[in-house]
């Protein structure tokens, strides 16, 4: 039996709050949260207050907003393209952000400013979206847009591979590779402040698109009769995804499968309605990334596990299951 939509929203919101709270506490050495919060509020420069405000809180906030962006953008792209196997990275924004960030790391430009890395990533996401627009044209079809996105993705991936191949030392190569795996460690409140405006702008652009995506499920011709402008909607969603996804990737690196898996898990619970899927996917994405980040802290490994590796280990088998199920449904 499917839960009522308000119940589903409330349940997911409660789960996100619990995971956010656990993210502040969880670690190899659990943080006494009330004591740390009390010391932070009284402006004490104690070890507990510093751990909470400089390490745990930025990590939890970035995990919350980045995960919500990936889940929300995954649902929006799948609704726009009417393809349940689409993901935010399909339009090239994620790979564009990753390429620019890798360029900054390769040339050591992050030494000039710690904020240069996320800013370069966000700029790369926007540049990739502009290139897709230039390749596809203003009135491009869905197929042309997908092909343009695949081309930009391939170009960005080739650029990253080239930089990895030309890395001046094994240590430089290791730094580049580890960044592309996705991670929330060593992030500060300044990183969160940098990603927040781009993230909120992307979310704002997606406001009100749910009903239009509902109409689009009936076909573009029918959507036109209902007052929806498919071309305008298409670019509104593309730009929104480039902002929100680019901000997430620029801040935490490449974290895959959240934008693909979360909408798939939640779509049957909202009767396959994009307008209802968008908010629940945002909450689901936040919950998944927070849970994965807690997991990498608690899993006993000699070398710290990267959060992107854990999401891929969970997401890849689910993706294979989707392929098998899709094939069986066509037999």
Protein backbone atom coordinates (compact mmCIF):
# COMPACT_ATOMS: atom_id res chain seq x y z
CA UNK A 1 0.00 0.00 0.00
CA UNK A 2 1.39 3.39 -1.04
CA UNK A 3 1.71 6.04 1.69
CA UNK A 4 -0.22 9.27 1.24
CA UNK A 5 1.88 12.01 -0.34
CA UNK A 6 1.98 14.28 2.77
CA UNK A 7 2.94 11.25 4.86
CA UNK A 8 5.73 10.39 2.42
CA UNK A 9 7.05 13.96 2.49
CA UNK A 10 6.94 14.09 6.28
CA UNK A 11 8.65 10.70 6.59
CA UNK A 12 11.47 11.66 4.26
CA UNK A 13 11.88 15.05 5.94
CA UNK A 14 12.10 13.33 9.32
CA UNK A 15 14.65 10.86 7.97
CA UNK A 16 16.80 13.71 6.61
CA UNK A 17 16.70 15.51 9.97
CA UNK A 18 17.74 12.35 11.81
CA UNK A 19 20.59 11.69 9.37
CA UNK A 20 21.73 15.32 9.56
CA UNK A 21 21.86 15.05 13.34
CA UNK A 22 23.73 11.73 13.13
CA UNK A 23 26.17 13.29 10.66
CA UNK A 24 27.11 15.83 13.33
CA UNK A 25 27.78 13.03 15.81
CA UNK A 26 29.09 10.08 13.79
CA UNK A 27 32.78 9.33 13.44
CA UNK A 28 35.50 7.04 14.66
CA UNK A 29 35.24 9.14 17.84
CA UNK A 30 31.58 10.19 18.34
CA UNK A 31 31.11 13.86 19.13
CA UNK A 32 29.20 14.79 22.32
CA UNK A 33 26.90 17.05 20.36
CA UNK A 34 25.13 18.89 23.21
CA UNK A 35 28.38 19.76 24.94
CA UNK A 36 29.98 20.84 21.68
CA UNK A 37 26.93 22.95 20.72
CA UNK A 38 26.86 24.58 24.16
CA UNK A 39 30.52 25.51 23.92
CA UNK A 40 30.09 26.80 20.36
CA UNK A 41 27.14 28.99 21.38
CA UNK A 42 29.09 30.49 24.27
CA UNK A 43 31.97 31.35 21.91
CA UNK A 44 34.41 29.03 23.60
CA UNK A 45 37.36 28.08 21.41
CA UNK A 46 37.37 24.55 22.75
CA UNK A 47 38.34 21.48 20.75
CA UNK A 48 34.73 20.23 20.71
CA UNK A 49 33.40 23.56 19.45
CA UNK A 50 36.03 23.71 16.70
CA UNK A 51 35.29 20.13 15.60
CA UNK A 52 31.57 20.90 15.42
CA UNK A 53 31.76 24.26 13.65
CA UNK A 54 34.78 23.72 11.40
CA UNK A 55 34.48 20.03 10.50
CA UNK A 56 31.17 18.33 11.25
CA UNK A 57 28.68 21.15 10.52
CA UNK A 58 30.09 22.12 7.08
CA UNK A 59 30.27 18.46 6.10
CA UNK A 60 26.65 17.83 7.10
CA UNK A 61 25.35 21.02 5.43
CA UNK A 62 27.19 20.31 2.18
CA UNK A 63 25.98 16.69 2.20
CA UNK A 64 22.41 17.87 2.77
CA UNK A 65 22.35 20.47 -0.03
CA UNK A 66 24.49 18.56 -2.54
CA UNK A 67 22.46 15.37 -2.10
CA UNK A 68 19.19 17.30 -2.45
CA UNK A 69 20.48 18.92 -5.65
CA UNK A 70 21.50 15.61 -7.20
CA UNK A 71 18.17 13.95 -6.38
CA UNK A 72 16.10 16.95 -7.50
CA UNK A 73 18.04 17.40 -10.75
CA UNK A 74 17.83 13.69 -11.52
CA UNK A 75 14.02 13.79 -11.23
CA UNK A 76 13.83 16.98 -13.33
CA UNK A 77 16.00 15.61 -16.14
CA UNK A 78 14.12 12.29 -16.21
CA UNK A 79 10.81 14.14 -16.39
CA UNK A 80 12.03 16.50 -19.09
CA UNK A 81 13.54 13.81 -21.31
CA UNK A 82 10.77 11.32 -20.44
CA UNK A 83 13.55 8.83 -19.88
CA UNK A 84 13.80 7.03 -16.51
CA UNK A 85 17.46 6.21 -17.19
CA UNK A 86 18.53 9.84 -17.59
CA UNK A 87 20.74 11.51 -14.99
CA UNK A 88 21.95 15.08 -14.25
CA UNK A 89 25.31 14.34 -15.84
CA UNK A 90 23.69 13.66 -19.20
CA UNK A 91 23.77 17.33 -20.27
CA UNK A 92 27.48 17.69 -19.54
CA UNK A 93 27.30 19.98 -16.50
CA UNK A 94 28.83 17.46 -14.08
CA UNK A 95 31.71 16.53 -16.37
CA UNK A 96 32.29 20.21 -17.24
CA UNK A 97 32.53 21.06 -13.55
CA UNK A 98 34.86 18.13 -12.94
CA UNK A 99 37.14 19.08 -15.85
CA UNK A 100 37.59 22.66 -14.70
CA UNK A 101 38.23 21.53 -11.13
CA UNK A 102 40.83 19.01 -12.33
CA UNK A 103 42.51 21.77 -14.38
CA UNK A 104 42.79 23.90 -11.22
CA UNK A 105 44.27 20.96 -9.31
CA UNK A 106 46.63 20.04 -12.13
CA UNK A 107 48.20 23.50 -12.33
CA UNK A 108 48.16 23.99 -8.56
CA UNK A 109 45.99 27.08 -8.84
CA UNK A 110 44.10 26.22 -5.65
CA UNK A 111 47.19 27.52 -3.80
CA UNK A 112 46.19 31.03 -4.93
CA UNK A 113 42.80 30.75 -3.23
CA UNK A 114 40.94 27.89 -1.60
CA UNK A 115 37.74 29.18 -3.18
CA UNK A 116 39.14 28.93 -6.71
CA UNK A 117 38.41 25.18 -6.97
CA UNK A 118 34.62 25.33 -6.40
CA UNK A 119 34.28 28.54 -8.41
CA UNK A 120 36.11 26.97 -11.36
CA UNK A 121 33.88 23.91 -11.14
CA UNK A 122 30.72 26.00 -11.25
CA UNK A 123 32.10 27.96 -14.18
CA UNK A 124 32.86 24.69 -15.96
CA UNK A 125 29.28 23.50 -15.48
CA UNK A 126 27.91 26.69 -17.04
CA UNK A 127 30.43 26.53 -19.89
CA UNK A 128 29.43 22.93 -20.65
CA UNK A 129 25.75 23.89 -20.74
CA UNK A 130 26.51 26.79 -23.10
CA UNK A 131 28.42 24.42 -25.37
CA UNK A 132 25.48 22.02 -25.43
CA UNK A 133 23.24 24.96 -26.31
CA UNK A 134 25.61 26.05 -29.09
CA UNK A 135 25.86 22.54 -30.51
CA UNK A 136 22.17 21.70 -30.34
CA UNK A 137 20.65 25.05 -31.24
CA UNK A 138 17.78 26.90 -29.60
CA UNK A 139 14.95 24.77 -30.99
CA UNK A 140 16.74 21.44 -30.79
CA UNK A 141 14.86 18.19 -30.34
CA UNK A 142 15.33 15.98 -27.30
CA UNK A 143 17.47 13.56 -29.33
CA UNK A 144 19.77 16.37 -30.50
CA UNK A 145 20.14 17.67 -26.95
CA UNK A 146 21.07 14.23 -25.66
CA UNK A 147 23.63 13.77 -28.45
CA UNK A 148 25.13 17.20 -27.72
CA UNK A 149 25.33 16.35 -24.02
CA UNK A 150 27.00 13.02 -24.76
CA UNK A 151 29.53 14.78 -27.01
CA UNK A 152 30.41 17.35 -24.32
CA UNK A 153 30.64 14.59 -21.71
CA UNK A 154 33.04 12.65 -23.94
CA UNK A 155 35.14 15.74 -24.56
CA UNK A 156 35.35 16.60 -20.86
CA UNK A 157 36.19 13.00 -19.92
CA UNK A 158 38.94 12.95 -22.55
CA UNK A 159 40.34 16.17 -21.11
CA UNK A 160 40.41 14.71 -17.59
CA UNK A 161 42.07 11.54 -18.87
CA UNK A 162 44.72 13.62 -20.63
CA UNK A 163 45.51 15.60 -17.48
CA UNK A 164 45.73 12.41 -15.43
CA UNK A 165 48.09 10.94 -18.01
CA UNK A 166 50.29 14.06 -17.97
CA UNK A 167 50.30 14.45 -14.17
CA UNK A 168 53.84 15.51 -13.17
CA UNK A 169 54.13 13.04 -10.30
CA UNK A 170 52.33 10.04 -8.76
CA UNK A 171 51.26 12.28 -5.88
CA UNK A 172 49.66 14.79 -8.26
CA UNK A 173 47.87 11.96 -10.08
CA UNK A 174 46.62 10.57 -6.77
CA UNK A 175 45.22 13.97 -5.80
CA UNK A 176 43.41 14.28 -9.12
CA UNK A 177 41.98 10.78 -8.99
CA UNK A 178 40.84 11.07 -5.37
CA UNK A 179 39.01 14.31 -6.14
CA UNK A 180 37.07 12.71 -8.99
CA UNK A 181 35.91 9.95 -6.61
CA UNK A 182 33.84 12.41 -4.59
CA UNK A 183 34.35 13.28 -0.95
CA UNK A 184 32.97 15.51 1.80
CA UNK A 185 36.03 15.63 4.03
CA UNK A 186 38.07 18.80 4.53
CA UNK A 187 35.18 21.04 3.51
CA UNK A 188 34.61 24.35 5.29
CA UNK A 189 31.73 26.72 5.88
CA UNK A 190 33.28 28.94 3.21
CA UNK A 191 32.86 26.10 0.68
CA UNK A 192 29.22 25.84 1.73
CA UNK A 193 28.71 29.60 1.37
CA UNK A 194 30.16 29.45 -2.15
CA UNK A 195 27.93 26.59 -3.31
CA UNK A 196 24.76 27.90 -1.65
CA UNK A 197 23.85 30.79 -4.05
CA UNK A 198 24.31 28.62 -7.16
CA UNK A 199 22.37 25.78 -5.54
CA UNK A 200 19.46 27.99 -4.50
CA UNK A 201 19.37 29.62 -7.95
CA UNK A 202 19.08 26.19 -9.56
CA UNK A 203 16.31 25.20 -7.16
CA UNK A 204 14.50 28.50 -7.78
CA UNK A 205 14.52 27.91 -11.55
CA UNK A 206 12.91 24.51 -11.00
CA UNK A 207 10.05 26.00 -8.99
CA UNK A 208 6.81 25.66 -10.92
CA UNK A 209 8.22 23.25 -13.49
CA UNK A 210 6.51 20.24 -11.91
CA UNK A 211 3.08 20.88 -13.46
CA UNK A 212 4.69 21.59 -16.82
CA UNK A 213 6.58 18.30 -16.62
CA UNK A 214 3.28 16.59 -15.80
CA UNK A 215 1.83 17.99 -19.02
CA UNK A 216 4.93 16.99 -20.96
CA UNK A 217 4.37 13.33 -20.08
CA UNK A 218 1.35 13.49 -22.45
CA UNK A 219 3.60 14.53 -25.35
CA UNK A 220 4.88 17.89 -26.61
CA UNK A 221 1.86 18.53 -28.85
CA UNK A 222 -0.56 17.98 -25.99
CA UNK A 223 1.62 20.06 -23.67
CA UNK A 224 1.46 22.95 -26.14
CA UNK A 225 -2.34 22.88 -26.05
CA UNK A 226 -2.13 23.08 -22.25
CA UNK A 227 -0.05 26.26 -22.39
CA UNK A 228 3.39 24.68 -21.91
CA UNK A 229 6.28 25.88 -24.07
CA UNK A 230 8.53 22.79 -24.38
CA UNK A 231 11.59 24.64 -25.72
CA UNK A 232 11.48 27.27 -22.97
CA UNK A 233 10.88 24.58 -20.35
CA UNK A 234 13.77 22.54 -21.73
CA UNK A 235 16.31 25.31 -21.37
CA UNK A 236 14.94 26.40 -18.01
CA UNK A 237 15.52 22.90 -16.66
CA UNK A 238 18.92 22.60 -18.34
CA UNK A 239 20.17 25.87 -16.86
CA UNK A 240 18.76 25.00 -13.43
CA UNK A 241 20.48 21.61 -13.48
CA UNK A 242 23.77 23.16 -14.59
CA UNK A 243 23.69 25.56 -11.62
CA UNK A 244 22.65 23.06 -8.94
CA UNK A 245 24.60 20.04 -10.18
CA UNK A 246 27.63 22.13 -11.05
CA UNK A 247 27.70 23.61 -7.54
CA UNK A 248 27.48 20.12 -6.00
CA UNK A 249 30.16 18.56 -8.20
CA UNK A 250 32.46 21.56 -7.83
CA UNK A 251 32.26 21.24 -4.05
CA UNK A 252 32.33 17.49 -3.41
CA UNK A 253 33.62 15.98 -6.66
CA UNK A 254 31.96 13.30 -8.76
CA UNK A 255 29.28 11.45 -6.78
CA UNK A 256 27.34 9.23 -9.12
CA UNK A 257 24.06 7.31 -9.20
CA UNK A 258 22.14 9.46 -6.69
CA UNK A 259 20.37 11.37 -9.46
CA UNK A 260 19.55 8.09 -11.20
CA UNK A 261 18.64 5.79 -8.32
CA UNK A 262 16.65 8.09 -6.02
CA UNK A 263 13.92 9.07 -8.55
CA UNK A 264 13.59 5.41 -9.55
CA UNK A 265 13.03 4.31 -5.96
CA UNK A 266 10.46 7.01 -5.24
CA UNK A 267 8.60 7.29 -8.57
CA UNK A 268 6.15 4.41 -7.87
CA UNK A 269 5.25 6.00 -4.51
CA UNK A 270 4.04 9.22 -6.18
CA UNK A 271 2.12 7.60 -9.05
CA UNK A 272 4.84 8.61 -11.53
CA UNK A 273 3.89 12.31 -11.31
CA UNK A 274 6.92 14.59 -11.90
CA UNK A 275 5.40 17.43 -9.85
CA UNK A 276 5.31 15.18 -6.79
CA UNK A 277 8.56 13.43 -7.60
CA UNK A 278 10.71 16.59 -7.54
CA UNK A 279 10.41 17.42 -3.80
CA UNK A 280 10.57 13.81 -2.60
CA UNK A 281 13.63 13.18 -4.78
CA UNK A 282 15.35 16.19 -3.22
CA UNK A 283 14.70 14.78 0.25
CA UNK A 284 15.69 11.28 -0.87
CA UNK A 285 18.93 12.51 -2.42
CA UNK A 286 19.85 14.37 0.75
CA UNK A 287 19.11 11.26 2.83
CA UNK A 288 21.19 8.99 0.58
CA UNK A 289 24.25 11.26 0.54
CA UNK A 290 24.12 11.91 4.29
CA UNK A 291 23.77 8.17 4.95
CA UNK A 292 26.66 7.38 2.60
CA UNK A 293 28.87 9.98 4.28
CA UNK A 294 28.06 8.50 7.70
CA UNK A 295 28.86 5.06 6.29
CA UNK A 296 32.33 6.01 5.02
CA UNK A 297 33.21 7.30 8.49
CA UNK A 298 32.07 4.16 10.27
CA UNK A 299 33.27 1.46 7.85
CA UNK A 300 36.65 0.30 9.21
CA UNK A 301 39.17 0.69 6.37
CA UNK A 302 42.88 1.41 6.49
CA UNK A 303 42.48 4.16 3.88
CA UNK A 304 39.38 6.37 4.30
CA UNK A 305 36.67 5.35 1.84
CA UNK A 306 35.39 8.03 -0.54
CA UNK A 307 31.67 8.72 -0.53
CA UNK A 308 31.47 8.53 -4.33
CA UNK A 309 32.85 4.99 -4.19
CA UNK A 310 30.18 3.91 -1.72
CA UNK A 311 27.32 5.42 -3.74
CA UNK A 312 28.68 3.71 -6.86
CA UNK A 313 28.91 0.35 -5.07
CA UNK A 314 25.23 0.68 -4.14
CA UNK A 315 24.05 2.36 -7.34
CA UNK A 316 25.77 0.19 -9.96
CA UNK A 317 24.02 -3.07 -8.96
CA UNK A 318 20.70 -1.21 -8.88
CA UNK A 319 21.39 0.12 -12.38
CA UNK A 320 22.12 -3.40 -13.59
CA UNK A 321 18.86 -4.56 -12.01
CA UNK A 322 16.99 -1.86 -13.93
CA UNK A 323 18.52 -3.04 -17.19
CA UNK A 324 17.58 -6.68 -16.53
CA UNK A 325 14.05 -5.71 -15.48
CA UNK A 326 13.66 -3.52 -18.58
CA UNK A 327 14.80 -6.35 -20.82
CA UNK A 328 12.37 -8.81 -19.22
CA UNK A 329 9.47 -6.40 -19.65
CA UNK A 330 10.08 -6.38 -23.41
CA UNK A 331 10.22 -10.17 -23.78
